[in-house]
């Protein structure tokens, strides 16, 4: 899946993206990056997508090998989970403006009633991942929706039903390679398969582990909805960060230091380099006080005095999906324990 777009592939690599198989005798939490999750996750899921804080895509051996005892037997769940990795560690950083366009298209699809009563409407990330499964013809097909799946299960139907999502997916996977059906694959078929690579010319832009996503908090600080201020006053920035930190940046106060009412500075000339090397997380007691601008925690002068606690029960999950990196102004203050800044 990473053959198609060099920029996406290199971004995933630079961010230490990996893939792991959960053995039939193992659980989801046996994967080292996921061992902090509650044990009930072993019953809930047999695969997770890569994030900034846990950069590994996983799925069960039983699904990859087409064993009969597989809860996802009628779909290729590895494609779904790797799609998350290609999104959250790849396209979000490598394709300018792509992630914003995905979120806007997800909201538009929801307003139109597309994908109603399916898992695709859970979030913009699931909207993309479910679409990718259909794009590669490996999704479960149902004539009527059941709350998870439905009739849009192949590439042709996807292009007809939701062409905007199809085009977003095609930017990430422009080669349109045909996957061997996992239950029919043989070594002979694998050797005969012709995999196309780099079907989109690279931008030649240097992608490093410190490249920023396409949400520009400093120069694009605004509210995209007239209700943002009201929602923020009711606590939606914490309750619904997946929407709010992208669409209500000004009201949620996740912008540059000018929004918070005091001048935000680094107190050491080496702060930018230290921040680029990950010192905001490795050495937070110094960095979050002396390098606030570089660590993007402006407006939180009292960080160093706060107890090492999570103030929201969702902090663990938010940290897991990468919010400590995407939204440090909130997370370093309210989710100190999960973000490991104390």
C-alpha atoms as a PDB file:
ATOM      1  CA  UNK A   1       0.000   0.000   0.000  1.00  0.00           C
ATOM      2  CA  UNK A   2       2.954   2.325   0.519  1.00  0.00           C
ATOM      3  CA  UNK A   3       4.269   1.691  -3.002  1.00  0.00           C
ATOM      4  CA  UNK A   4       2.023   4.296  -4.642  1.00  0.00           C
ATOM      5  CA  UNK A   5       3.168   7.615  -3.225  1.00  0.00           C
ATOM      6  CA  UNK A   6       6.806   8.221  -2.288  1.00  0.00           C
ATOM      7  CA  UNK A   7       6.031  11.252  -0.113  1.00  0.00           C
ATOM      8  CA  UNK A   8       3.490   9.304   1.939  1.00  0.00           C
ATOM      9  CA  UNK A   9       5.853   6.342   2.218  1.00  0.00           C
ATOM     10  CA  UNK A  10       8.794   8.461   3.369  1.00  0.00           C
ATOM     11  CA  UNK A  11       6.669  10.325   5.905  1.00  0.00           C
ATOM     12  CA  UNK A  12       5.533   6.997   7.397  1.00  0.00           C
ATOM     13  CA  UNK A  13       9.152   5.809   7.501  1.00  0.00           C
ATOM     14  CA  UNK A  14      10.506   9.027   9.040  1.00  0.00           C
ATOM     15  CA  UNK A  15       7.878   8.803  11.774  1.00  0.00           C
ATOM     16  CA  UNK A  16       8.985   5.254  12.620  1.00  0.00           C
ATOM     17  CA  UNK A  17       5.840   3.650  11.180  1.00  0.00           C
ATOM     18  CA  UNK A  18       5.752  -0.132  11.401  1.00  0.00           C
ATOM     19  CA  UNK A  19       3.397  -3.074  10.868  1.00  0.00           C
ATOM     20  CA  UNK A  20       2.907  -5.968  13.300  1.00  0.00           C
ATOM     21  CA  UNK A  21       0.878  -9.173  13.288  1.00  0.00           C
ATOM     22  CA  UNK A  22      -1.053 -10.185  16.409  1.00  0.00           C
ATOM     23  CA  UNK A  23      -0.574 -13.951  16.733  1.00  0.00           C
ATOM     24  CA  UNK A  24      -3.580 -16.200  17.239  1.00  0.00           C
ATOM     25  CA  UNK A  25      -2.446 -16.855  20.824  1.00  0.00           C
ATOM     26  CA  UNK A  26      -1.845 -13.149  21.487  1.00  0.00           C
ATOM     27  CA  UNK A  27      -4.019 -10.141  22.239  1.00  0.00           C
ATOM     28  CA  UNK A  28      -3.967  -6.575  21.001  1.00  0.00           C
ATOM     29  CA  UNK A  29      -2.276  -5.446  24.223  1.00  0.00           C
ATOM     30  CA  UNK A  30       0.624  -7.865  23.671  1.00  0.00           C
ATOM     31  CA  UNK A  31       1.951  -5.394  21.097  1.00  0.00           C
ATOM     32  CA  UNK A  32       4.464  -3.273  23.107  1.00  0.00           C
ATOM     33  CA  UNK A  33       3.102   0.050  21.838  1.00  0.00           C
ATOM     34  CA  UNK A  34      -0.392  -0.955  22.957  1.00  0.00           C
ATOM     35  CA  UNK A  35       0.355  -2.701  26.251  1.00  0.00           C
ATOM     36  CA  UNK A  36      -0.906   0.246  28.299  1.00  0.00           C
ATOM     37  CA  UNK A  37      -4.437  -0.184  26.924  1.00  0.00           C
ATOM     38  CA  UNK A  38      -7.043  -1.859  29.165  1.00  0.00           C
ATOM     39  CA  UNK A  39      -7.303  -5.633  28.736  1.00  0.00           C
ATOM     40  CA  UNK A  40     -10.885  -5.290  27.518  1.00  0.00           C
ATOM     41  CA  UNK A  41      -9.388  -4.030  24.255  1.00  0.00           C
ATOM     42  CA  UNK A  42      -8.403  -7.632  23.534  1.00  0.00           C
ATOM     43  CA  UNK A  43     -12.094  -8.486  23.293  1.00  0.00           C
ATOM     44  CA  UNK A  44     -13.073  -5.305  21.486  1.00  0.00           C
ATOM     45  CA  UNK A  45     -10.565  -5.352  18.632  1.00  0.00           C
ATOM     46  CA  UNK A  46      -7.935  -7.410  16.824  1.00  0.00           C
ATOM     47  CA  UNK A  47      -6.174  -4.525  15.153  1.00  0.00           C
ATOM     48  CA  UNK A  48      -5.283  -0.836  15.468  1.00  0.00           C
ATOM     49  CA  UNK A  49      -3.913   1.821  13.145  1.00  0.00           C
ATOM     50  CA  UNK A  50      -0.635   3.686  13.628  1.00  0.00           C
ATOM     51  CA  UNK A  51      -0.569   7.081  15.351  1.00  0.00           C
ATOM     52  CA  UNK A  52       2.182   9.540  16.256  1.00  0.00           C
ATOM     53  CA  UNK A  53       2.368   8.118  19.781  1.00  0.00           C
ATOM     54  CA  UNK A  54       2.007   4.449  18.830  1.00  0.00           C
ATOM     55  CA  UNK A  55       3.375   4.231  15.268  1.00  0.00           C
ATOM     56  CA  UNK A  56       2.413   0.645  14.460  1.00  0.00           C
ATOM     57  CA  UNK A  57      -0.435  -0.835  12.399  1.00  0.00           C
ATOM     58  CA  UNK A  58      -1.664  -4.202  13.647  1.00  0.00           C
ATOM     59  CA  UNK A  59      -4.112  -6.922  12.661  1.00  0.00           C
ATOM     60  CA  UNK A  60      -4.645 -10.550  13.584  1.00  0.00           C
ATOM     61  CA  UNK A  61      -2.792 -13.504  12.095  1.00  0.00           C
ATOM     62  CA  UNK A  62      -6.141 -15.199  11.550  1.00  0.00           C
ATOM     63  CA  UNK A  63      -7.283 -12.419   9.213  1.00  0.00           C
ATOM     64  CA  UNK A  64      -4.031 -12.177   7.262  1.00  0.00           C
ATOM     65  CA  UNK A  65      -3.912 -15.972   6.837  1.00  0.00           C
ATOM     66  CA  UNK A  66      -7.646 -16.439   6.173  1.00  0.00           C
ATOM     67  CA  UNK A  67      -8.356 -18.765   9.090  1.00  0.00           C
ATOM     68  CA  UNK A  68     -11.983 -19.799   9.553  1.00  0.00           C
ATOM     69  CA  UNK A  69     -12.127 -18.466  13.110  1.00  0.00           C
ATOM     70  CA  UNK A  70     -11.819 -14.782  12.280  1.00  0.00           C
ATOM     71  CA  UNK A  71     -14.252 -12.079  13.387  1.00  0.00           C
ATOM     72  CA  UNK A  72     -13.366 -10.080  10.255  1.00  0.00           C
ATOM     73  CA  UNK A  73     -13.446 -13.019   7.830  1.00  0.00           C
ATOM     74  CA  UNK A  74     -15.318 -11.181   5.060  1.00  0.00           C
ATOM     75  CA  UNK A  75     -12.963  -8.197   4.915  1.00  0.00           C
ATOM     76  CA  UNK A  76      -9.234  -7.468   4.871  1.00  0.00           C
ATOM     77  CA  UNK A  77      -8.769  -5.678   8.184  1.00  0.00           C
ATOM     78  CA  UNK A  78      -5.049  -5.142   7.572  1.00  0.00           C
ATOM     79  CA  UNK A  79      -5.939  -2.823   4.683  1.00  0.00           C
ATOM     80  CA  UNK A  80      -8.185  -0.861   7.057  1.00  0.00           C
ATOM     81  CA  UNK A  81      -5.522  -0.480   9.753  1.00  0.00           C
ATOM     82  CA  UNK A  82      -2.698   0.333   7.321  1.00  0.00           C
ATOM     83  CA  UNK A  83      -4.994   2.963   5.812  1.00  0.00           C
ATOM     84  CA  UNK A  84      -5.020   4.642   9.233  1.00  0.00           C
ATOM     85  CA  UNK A  85      -1.223   4.644   9.239  1.00  0.00           C
ATOM     86  CA  UNK A  86      -1.008   5.993   5.692  1.00  0.00           C
ATOM     87  CA  UNK A  87      -3.361   8.774   6.810  1.00  0.00           C
ATOM     88  CA  UNK A  88      -2.117   9.696  10.292  1.00  0.00           C
ATOM     89  CA  UNK A  89       1.637   9.277   9.714  1.00  0.00           C
ATOM     90  CA  UNK A  90       1.679   9.772   5.961  1.00  0.00           C
ATOM     91  CA  UNK A  91      -0.760  11.895   3.974  1.00  0.00           C
ATOM     92  CA  UNK A  92      -1.528  14.251   6.862  1.00  0.00           C
ATOM     93  CA  UNK A  93       2.092  15.423   6.791  1.00  0.00           C
ATOM     94  CA  UNK A  94       3.144  14.720   3.203  1.00  0.00           C
ATOM     95  CA  UNK A  95       0.287  16.150   1.109  1.00  0.00           C
ATOM     96  CA  UNK A  96      -0.309  19.848   1.723  1.00  0.00           C
ATOM     97  CA  UNK A  97      -3.886  20.609   2.762  1.00  0.00           C
ATOM     98  CA  UNK A  98      -5.021  17.000   2.353  1.00  0.00           C
ATOM     99  CA  UNK A  99      -6.082  16.402   5.963  1.00  0.00           C
ATOM    100  CA  UNK A 100      -8.178  19.571   6.097  1.00  0.00           C
ATOM    101  CA  UNK A 101      -9.900  18.562   2.878  1.00  0.00           C
ATOM    102  CA  UNK A 102     -10.625  15.109   4.300  1.00  0.00           C
ATOM    103  CA  UNK A 103     -12.217  16.567   7.438  1.00  0.00           C
ATOM    104  CA  UNK A 104     -14.326  19.006   5.413  1.00  0.00           C
ATOM    105  CA  UNK A 105     -15.461  16.246   3.072  1.00  0.00           C
ATOM    106  CA  UNK A 106     -16.372  14.029   6.033  1.00  0.00           C
ATOM    107  CA  UNK A 107     -18.558  16.815   7.449  1.00  0.00           C
ATOM    108  CA  UNK A 108     -20.116  17.372   4.008  1.00  0.00           C
ATOM    109  CA  UNK A 109     -20.850  13.656   3.603  1.00  0.00           C
ATOM    110  CA  UNK A 110     -22.486  13.588   7.025  1.00  0.00           C
ATOM    111  CA  UNK A 111     -24.702  16.556   6.124  1.00  0.00           C
ATOM    112  CA  UNK A 112     -25.742  14.843   2.885  1.00  0.00           C
ATOM    113  CA  UNK A 113     -26.613  11.633   4.711  1.00  0.00           C
ATOM    114  CA  UNK A 114     -23.962   9.584   2.927  1.00  0.00           C
ATOM    115  CA  UNK A 115     -22.716   6.389   4.575  1.00  0.00           C
ATOM    116  CA  UNK A 116     -25.636   6.532   7.015  1.00  0.00           C
ATOM    117  CA  UNK A 117     -25.642   3.766   9.639  1.00  0.00           C
ATOM    118  CA  UNK A 118     -22.117   2.613   8.795  1.00  0.00           C
ATOM    119  CA  UNK A 119     -18.802   2.720  10.639  1.00  0.00           C
ATOM    120  CA  UNK A 120     -17.514   5.253   8.103  1.00  0.00           C
ATOM    121  CA  UNK A 121     -19.475   7.989   9.882  1.00  0.00           C
ATOM    122  CA  UNK A 122     -17.647   7.431  13.206  1.00  0.00           C
ATOM    123  CA  UNK A 123     -14.907   9.956  12.390  1.00  0.00           C
ATOM    124  CA  UNK A 124     -12.963  11.379   9.462  1.00  0.00           C
ATOM    125  CA  UNK A 125     -10.272   8.729  10.078  1.00  0.00           C
ATOM    126  CA  UNK A 126     -12.775   5.855   9.846  1.00  0.00           C
ATOM    127  CA  UNK A 127     -14.428   7.521   6.849  1.00  0.00           C
ATOM    128  CA  UNK A 128     -11.083   7.352   5.051  1.00  0.00           C
ATOM    129  CA  UNK A 129     -10.162   3.822   6.197  1.00  0.00           C
ATOM    130  CA  UNK A 130     -13.534   2.327   5.257  1.00  0.00           C
ATOM    131  CA  UNK A 131     -13.305   4.099   1.909  1.00  0.00           C
ATOM    132  CA  UNK A 132      -9.829   2.643   1.331  1.00  0.00           C
ATOM    133  CA  UNK A 133     -11.172  -0.876   1.886  1.00  0.00           C
ATOM    134  CA  UNK A 134     -13.807  -0.273  -0.767  1.00  0.00           C
ATOM    135  CA  UNK A 135     -11.231   1.367  -3.062  1.00  0.00           C
ATOM    136  CA  UNK A 136      -9.206  -1.860  -2.980  1.00  0.00           C
ATOM    137  CA  UNK A 137     -12.307  -4.105  -3.198  1.00  0.00           C
ATOM    138  CA  UNK A 138     -11.706  -5.771   0.171  1.00  0.00           C
ATOM    139  CA  UNK A 139     -14.648  -4.505   2.236  1.00  0.00           C
ATOM    140  CA  UNK A 140     -17.588  -6.520   3.558  1.00  0.00           C
ATOM    141  CA  UNK A 141     -20.638  -6.226   1.293  1.00  0.00           C
ATOM    142  CA  UNK A 142     -24.179  -6.003   2.647  1.00  0.00           C
ATOM    143  CA  UNK A 143     -27.237  -5.042   0.620  1.00  0.00           C
ATOM    144  CA  UNK A 144     -28.574  -3.113   3.626  1.00  0.00           C
ATOM    145  CA  UNK A 145     -26.550  -1.283   6.243  1.00  0.00           C
ATOM    146  CA  UNK A 146     -26.161  -2.907   9.661  1.00  0.00           C
ATOM    147  CA  UNK A 147     -24.512  -0.054  11.546  1.00  0.00           C
ATOM    148  CA  UNK A 148     -21.039  -1.100  10.351  1.00  0.00           C
ATOM    149  CA  UNK A 149     -21.113  -2.139   6.695  1.00  0.00           C
ATOM    150  CA  UNK A 150     -23.322  -1.552   3.679  1.00  0.00           C
ATOM    151  CA  UNK A 151     -23.543  -1.778  -0.114  1.00  0.00           C
ATOM    152  CA  UNK A 152     -20.633   0.574  -0.997  1.00  0.00           C
ATOM    153  CA  UNK A 153     -18.012  -2.159  -0.893  1.00  0.00           C
ATOM    154  CA  UNK A 154     -15.997  -1.884  -4.110  1.00  0.00           C
ATOM    155  CA  UNK A 155     -14.099   0.709  -6.110  1.00  0.00           C
ATOM    156  CA  UNK A 156     -16.738   1.225  -8.796  1.00  0.00           C
ATOM    157  CA  UNK A 157     -19.539   1.848  -6.291  1.00  0.00           C
ATOM    158  CA  UNK A 158     -17.293   4.116  -4.226  1.00  0.00           C
ATOM    159  CA  UNK A 159     -16.456   6.324  -7.208  1.00  0.00           C
ATOM    160  CA  UNK A 160     -20.137   6.626  -8.142  1.00  0.00           C
ATOM    161  CA  UNK A 161     -21.428   7.138  -4.601  1.00  0.00           C
ATOM    162  CA  UNK A 162     -18.799   9.438  -3.068  1.00  0.00           C
ATOM    163  CA  UNK A 163     -16.464  10.765  -5.795  1.00  0.00           C
ATOM    164  CA  UNK A 164     -14.921  13.349  -3.453  1.00  0.00           C
ATOM    165  CA  UNK A 165     -13.755  10.641  -1.035  1.00  0.00           C
ATOM    166  CA  UNK A 166     -12.594   8.534  -3.976  1.00  0.00           C
ATOM    167  CA  UNK A 167     -10.414  11.401  -5.200  1.00  0.00           C
ATOM    168  CA  UNK A 168      -8.895  11.944  -1.738  1.00  0.00           C
ATOM    169  CA  UNK A 169      -8.020   8.257  -1.544  1.00  0.00           C
ATOM    170  CA  UNK A 170      -6.612   8.310  -5.079  1.00  0.00           C
ATOM    171  CA  UNK A 171      -4.164  11.053  -4.044  1.00  0.00           C
ATOM    172  CA  UNK A 172      -2.707   8.669  -1.465  1.00  0.00           C
ATOM    173  CA  UNK A 173      -2.906   5.506  -3.609  1.00  0.00           C
ATOM    174  CA  UNK A 174      -2.584   6.723  -7.239  1.00  0.00           C
ATOM    175  CA  UNK A 175      -1.278   3.431  -8.682  1.00  0.00           C
ATOM    176  CA  UNK A 176      -4.586   1.600  -8.076  1.00  0.00           C
ATOM    177  CA  UNK A 177      -2.731  -1.682  -7.611  1.00  0.00           C
ATOM    178  CA  UNK A 178      -4.886  -4.808  -7.459  1.00  0.00           C
ATOM    179  CA  UNK A 179      -4.463  -6.755  -4.248  1.00  0.00           C
ATOM    180  CA  UNK A 180      -4.435 -10.534  -4.272  1.00  0.00           C
ATOM    181  CA  UNK A 181      -7.389 -11.868  -2.323  1.00  0.00           C
ATOM    182  CA  UNK A 182      -5.863 -13.108   0.897  1.00  0.00           C
ATOM    183  CA  UNK A 183      -7.918 -16.321   0.860  1.00  0.00           C
ATOM    184  CA  UNK A 184      -6.823 -17.191  -2.687  1.00  0.00           C
ATOM    185  CA  UNK A 185      -3.198 -16.058  -2.607  1.00  0.00           C
ATOM    186  CA  UNK A 186      -0.354 -18.443  -3.422  1.00  0.00           C
ATOM    187  CA  UNK A 187       3.391 -17.972  -3.710  1.00  0.00           C
ATOM    188  CA  UNK A 188       3.070 -18.367  -7.470  1.00  0.00           C
ATOM    189  CA  UNK A 189       0.491 -15.580  -7.727  1.00  0.00           C
ATOM    190  CA  UNK A 190       2.602 -13.369  -5.501  1.00  0.00           C
ATOM    191  CA  UNK A 191       5.649 -13.808  -7.753  1.00  0.00           C
ATOM    192  CA  UNK A 192       3.588 -13.018 -10.856  1.00  0.00           C
ATOM    193  CA  UNK A 193       2.027  -9.896  -9.388  1.00  0.00           C
ATOM    194  CA  UNK A 194       3.081  -6.604 -10.980  1.00  0.00           C
ATOM    195  CA  UNK A 195       3.164  -3.889  -8.309  1.00  0.00           C
ATOM    196  CA  UNK A 196       3.418  -0.344  -9.648  1.00  0.00           C
ATOM    197  CA  UNK A 197       5.351   2.219  -7.615  1.00  0.00           C
ATOM    198  CA  UNK A 198       5.644   5.995  -7.310  1.00  0.00           C
ATOM    199  CA  UNK A 199       2.722   6.792  -9.609  1.00  0.00           C
ATOM    200  CA  UNK A 200       2.734  10.363  -8.336  1.00  0.00           C
ATOM    201  CA  UNK A 201       5.907  12.373  -8.763  1.00  0.00           C
ATOM    202  CA  UNK A 202       7.537  13.257  -5.469  1.00  0.00           C
ATOM    203  CA  UNK A 203       7.504  16.874  -4.357  1.00  0.00           C
ATOM    204  CA  UNK A 204      11.164  16.406  -3.390  1.00  0.00           C
ATOM    205  CA  UNK A 205      10.276  18.207  -0.184  1.00  0.00           C
ATOM    206  CA  UNK A 206      12.392  17.011   2.712  1.00  0.00           C
ATOM    207  CA  UNK A 207      10.182  15.173   5.192  1.00  0.00           C
ATOM    208  CA  UNK A 208      11.615  14.758   8.656  1.00  0.00           C
ATOM    209  CA  UNK A 209      10.205  13.362  11.872  1.00  0.00           C
ATOM    210  CA  UNK A 210       9.567  16.954  12.914  1.00  0.00           C
ATOM    211  CA  UNK A 211       7.599  17.997   9.821  1.00  0.00           C
ATOM    212  CA  UNK A 212       4.350  19.630  10.853  1.00  0.00           C
ATOM    213  CA  UNK A 213       0.847  18.512   9.827  1.00  0.00           C
ATOM    214  CA  UNK A 214      -1.264  20.729   7.607  1.00  0.00           C
ATOM    215  CA  UNK A 215      -3.049  22.474  10.490  1.00  0.00           C
ATOM    216  CA  UNK A 216      -1.328  25.837  10.780  1.00  0.00           C
ATOM    217  CA  UNK A 217      -2.133  27.137  14.246  1.00  0.00           C
ATOM    218  CA  UNK A 218       0.049  30.233  13.910  1.00  0.00           C
ATOM    219  CA  UNK A 219      -1.035  31.778  10.630  1.00  0.00           C
ATOM    220  CA  UNK A 220      -4.498  30.302  10.144  1.00  0.00           C
ATOM    221  CA  UNK A 221      -5.952  30.928  13.577  1.00  0.00           C
ATOM    222  CA  UNK A 222      -9.674  31.287  13.194  1.00  0.00           C
ATOM    223  CA  UNK A 223     -13.041  29.736  13.945  1.00  0.00           C
ATOM    224  CA  UNK A 224     -14.663  28.010  10.977  1.00  0.00           C
ATOM    225  CA  UNK A 225     -18.120  27.934  12.558  1.00  0.00           C
ATOM    226  CA  UNK A 226     -20.077  30.827  14.057  1.00  0.00           C
ATOM    227  CA  UNK A 227     -21.085  28.556  16.963  1.00  0.00           C
ATOM    228  CA  UNK A 228     -17.478  27.911  18.052  1.00  0.00           C
ATOM    229  CA  UNK A 229     -17.448  30.425  20.895  1.00  0.00           C
ATOM    230  CA  UNK A 230     -20.673  29.034  22.366  1.00  0.00           C
ATOM    231  CA  UNK A 231     -19.479  25.446  22.025  1.00  0.00           C
ATOM    232  CA  UNK A 232     -16.151  26.314  23.643  1.00  0.00           C
ATOM    233  CA  UNK A 233     -17.943  27.954  26.595  1.00  0.00           C
ATOM    234  CA  UNK A 234     -19.818  24.678  27.124  1.00  0.00           C
ATOM    235  CA  UNK A 235     -16.626  22.629  27.271  1.00  0.00           C
ATOM    236  CA  UNK A 236     -16.727  21.144  23.777  1.00  0.00           C
ATOM    237  CA  UNK A 237     -12.998  21.755  23.244  1.00  0.00           C
ATOM    238  CA  UNK A 238     -12.362  18.981  25.771  1.00  0.00           C
ATOM    239  CA  UNK A 239     -15.421  16.835  25.034  1.00  0.00           C
ATOM    240  CA  UNK A 240     -15.068  16.850  21.256  1.00  0.00           C
ATOM    241  CA  UNK A 241     -11.440  17.701  20.416  1.00  0.00           C
ATOM    242  CA  UNK A 242     -11.465  15.800  17.117  1.00  0.00           C
ATOM    243  CA  UNK A 243     -13.717  18.494  15.630  1.00  0.00           C
ATOM    244  CA  UNK A 244     -13.025  21.486  17.831  1.00  0.00           C
ATOM    245  CA  UNK A 245      -9.220  21.758  17.689  1.00  0.00           C
ATOM    246  CA  UNK A 246      -9.372  21.855  13.897  1.00  0.00           C
ATOM    247  CA  UNK A 247     -12.481  23.943  13.316  1.00  0.00           C
ATOM    248  CA  UNK A 248     -12.624  26.192  16.398  1.00  0.00           C
ATOM    249  CA  UNK A 249      -8.942  26.982  16.949  1.00  0.00           C
ATOM    250  CA  UNK A 250      -9.471  30.528  18.151  1.00  0.00           C
ATOM    251  CA  UNK A 251     -12.218  29.710  20.653  1.00  0.00           C
ATOM    252  CA  UNK A 252     -10.338  26.676  21.961  1.00  0.00           C
ATOM    253  CA  UNK A 253      -7.207  28.815  22.389  1.00  0.00           C
ATOM    254  CA  UNK A 254      -4.900  26.392  20.595  1.00  0.00           C
ATOM    255  CA  UNK A 255      -3.259  29.093  18.495  1.00  0.00           C
ATOM    256  CA  UNK A 256      -0.015  31.008  18.793  1.00  0.00           C
ATOM    257  CA  UNK A 257       0.859  32.902  21.969  1.00  0.00           C
ATOM    258  CA  UNK A 258      -0.726  36.139  20.686  1.00  0.00           C
ATOM    259  CA  UNK A 259      -4.127  34.663  21.452  1.00  0.00           C
ATOM    260  CA  UNK A 260      -3.350  34.005  25.093  1.00  0.00           C
ATOM    261  CA  UNK A 261      -2.585  37.598  25.999  1.00  0.00           C
ATOM    262  CA  UNK A 262       1.130  37.635  26.792  1.00  0.00           C
ATOM    263  CA  UNK A 263       4.336  37.530  24.836  1.00  0.00           C
ATOM    264  CA  UNK A 264       5.476  33.973  24.276  1.00  0.00           C
ATOM    265  CA  UNK A 265       9.256  33.517  24.215  1.00  0.00           C
ATOM    266  CA  UNK A 266      12.032  30.965  24.314  1.00  0.00           C
ATOM    267  CA  UNK A 267      14.474  31.749  27.117  1.00  0.00           C
ATOM    268  CA  UNK A 268      17.371  29.919  25.478  1.00  0.00           C
ATOM    269  CA  UNK A 269      18.648  30.303  21.913  1.00  0.00           C
ATOM    270  CA  UNK A 270      18.977  26.514  21.629  1.00  0.00           C
ATOM    271  CA  UNK A 271      15.269  25.888  22.241  1.00  0.00           C
ATOM    272  CA  UNK A 272      14.296  25.338  18.569  1.00  0.00           C
ATOM    273  CA  UNK A 273      17.005  22.704  18.107  1.00  0.00           C
ATOM    274  CA  UNK A 274      16.174  20.998  21.396  1.00  0.00           C
ATOM    275  CA  UNK A 275      12.498  20.946  20.483  1.00  0.00           C
ATOM    276  CA  UNK A 276      13.301  19.465  17.065  1.00  0.00           C
ATOM    277  CA  UNK A 277      15.186  16.665  18.831  1.00  0.00           C
ATOM    278  CA  UNK A 278      12.194  15.801  21.014  1.00  0.00           C
ATOM    279  CA  UNK A 279      13.381  17.432  24.235  1.00  0.00           C
ATOM    280  CA  UNK A 280       9.912  18.867  24.986  1.00  0.00           C
ATOM    281  CA  UNK A 281       8.899  15.306  25.822  1.00  0.00           C
ATOM    282  CA  UNK A 282      12.229  13.969  27.065  1.00  0.00           C
ATOM    283  CA  UNK A 283      12.955  16.869  29.415  1.00  0.00           C
ATOM    284  CA  UNK A 284       9.624  18.615  30.059  1.00  0.00           C
ATOM    285  CA  UNK A 285      10.501  20.091  33.470  1.00  0.00           C
ATOM    286  CA  UNK A 286      13.024  22.390  31.815  1.00  0.00           C
ATOM    287  CA  UNK A 287      11.611  22.713  28.318  1.00  0.00           C
ATOM    288  CA  UNK A 288       8.005  23.582  29.125  1.00  0.00           C
ATOM    289  CA  UNK A 289       9.182  26.523  31.197  1.00  0.00           C
ATOM    290  CA  UNK A 290      12.237  27.838  29.327  1.00  0.00           C
ATOM    291  CA  UNK A 291      11.217  26.884  25.757  1.00  0.00           C
ATOM    292  CA  UNK A 292       7.482  27.568  25.680  1.00  0.00           C
ATOM    293  CA  UNK A 293       7.445  28.957  22.146  1.00  0.00           C
ATOM    294  CA  UNK A 294       9.355  26.028  20.639  1.00  0.00           C
ATOM    295  CA  UNK A 295       7.327  23.504  22.634  1.00  0.00           C
ATOM    296  CA  UNK A 296       4.087  25.246  21.576  1.00  0.00           C
ATOM    297  CA  UNK A 297       2.697  25.565  25.103  1.00  0.00           C
ATOM    298  CA  UNK A 298       2.270  29.322  25.115  1.00  0.00           C
ATOM    299  CA  UNK A 299      -0.195  30.722  27.579  1.00  0.00           C
ATOM    300  CA  UNK A 300       0.453  28.019  30.199  1.00  0.00           C
ATOM    301  CA  UNK A 301       2.940  29.709  32.554  1.00  0.00           C
ATOM    302  CA  UNK A 302       1.875  27.541  35.426  1.00  0.00           C
ATOM    303  CA  UNK A 303       2.688  24.238  33.732  1.00  0.00           C
ATOM    304  CA  UNK A 304       5.697  23.550  35.894  1.00  0.00           C
ATOM    305  CA  UNK A 305       3.619  23.841  39.080  1.00  0.00           C
ATOM    306  CA  UNK A 306       0.755  21.533  38.098  1.00  0.00           C
ATOM    307  CA  UNK A 307       0.484  18.066  39.668  1.00  0.00           C
ATOM    308  CA  UNK A 308       1.162  15.061  37.467  1.00  0.00           C
ATOM    309  CA  UNK A 309      -2.448  14.152  36.758  1.00  0.00           C
ATOM    310  CA  UNK A 310      -4.901  13.680  33.920  1.00  0.00           C
ATOM    311  CA  UNK A 311      -7.900  15.975  34.271  1.00  0.00           C
ATOM    312  CA  UNK A 312     -10.040  14.124  31.745  1.00  0.00           C
ATOM    313  CA  UNK A 313     -10.841  10.415  31.616  1.00  0.00           C
ATOM    314  CA  UNK A 314     -10.202  10.470  27.863  1.00  0.00           C
ATOM    315  CA  UNK A 315      -6.594  11.659  28.210  1.00  0.00           C
ATOM    316  CA  UNK A 316      -5.135   8.180  27.761  1.00  0.00           C
ATOM    317  CA  UNK A 317      -7.012   7.699  24.509  1.00  0.00           C
ATOM    318  CA  UNK A 318      -6.259  11.185  23.208  1.00  0.00           C
ATOM    319  CA  UNK A 319      -2.553  10.636  23.890  1.00  0.00           C
ATOM    320  CA  UNK A 320      -2.750   7.294  22.086  1.00  0.00           C
ATOM    321  CA  UNK A 321      -4.154   8.879  18.910  1.00  0.00           C
ATOM    322  CA  UNK A 322      -1.480  11.587  18.908  1.00  0.00           C
ATOM    323  CA  UNK A 323      -3.213  14.604  20.468  1.00  0.00           C
ATOM    324  CA  UNK A 324      -0.150  15.387  22.633  1.00  0.00           C
ATOM    325  CA  UNK A 325       1.640  16.245  19.399  1.00  0.00           C
ATOM    326  CA  UNK A 326      -1.299  17.761  17.522  1.00  0.00           C
ATOM    327  CA  UNK A 327      -2.751  19.802  20.388  1.00  0.00           C
ATOM    328  CA  UNK A 328      -0.014  20.385  23.004  1.00  0.00           C
ATOM    329  CA  UNK A 329      -1.504  23.640  24.307  1.00  0.00           C
ATOM    330  CA  UNK A 330      -4.423  21.690  25.775  1.00  0.00           C
ATOM    331  CA  UNK A 331      -2.859  18.269  26.298  1.00  0.00           C
ATOM    332  CA  UNK A 332       0.317  19.314  28.132  1.00  0.00           C
ATOM    333  CA  UNK A 333      -1.872  21.197  30.604  1.00  0.00           C
ATOM    334  CA  UNK A 334      -4.869  18.877  31.078  1.00  0.00           C
ATOM    335  CA  UNK A 335      -3.319  15.477  30.286  1.00  0.00           C
ATOM    336  CA  UNK A 336       0.139  15.755  31.804  1.00  0.00           C
ATOM    337  CA  UNK A 337       0.388  12.149  32.935  1.00  0.00           C
ATOM    338  CA  UNK A 338      -0.699  10.608  29.619  1.00  0.00           C
ATOM    339  CA  UNK A 339       1.565  12.953  27.642  1.00  0.00           C
ATOM    340  CA  UNK A 340       4.460  12.086  29.990  1.00  0.00           C
ATOM    341  CA  UNK A 341       5.420  15.695  30.648  1.00  0.00           C
ATOM    342  CA  UNK A 342       5.902  15.300  34.384  1.00  0.00           C
END
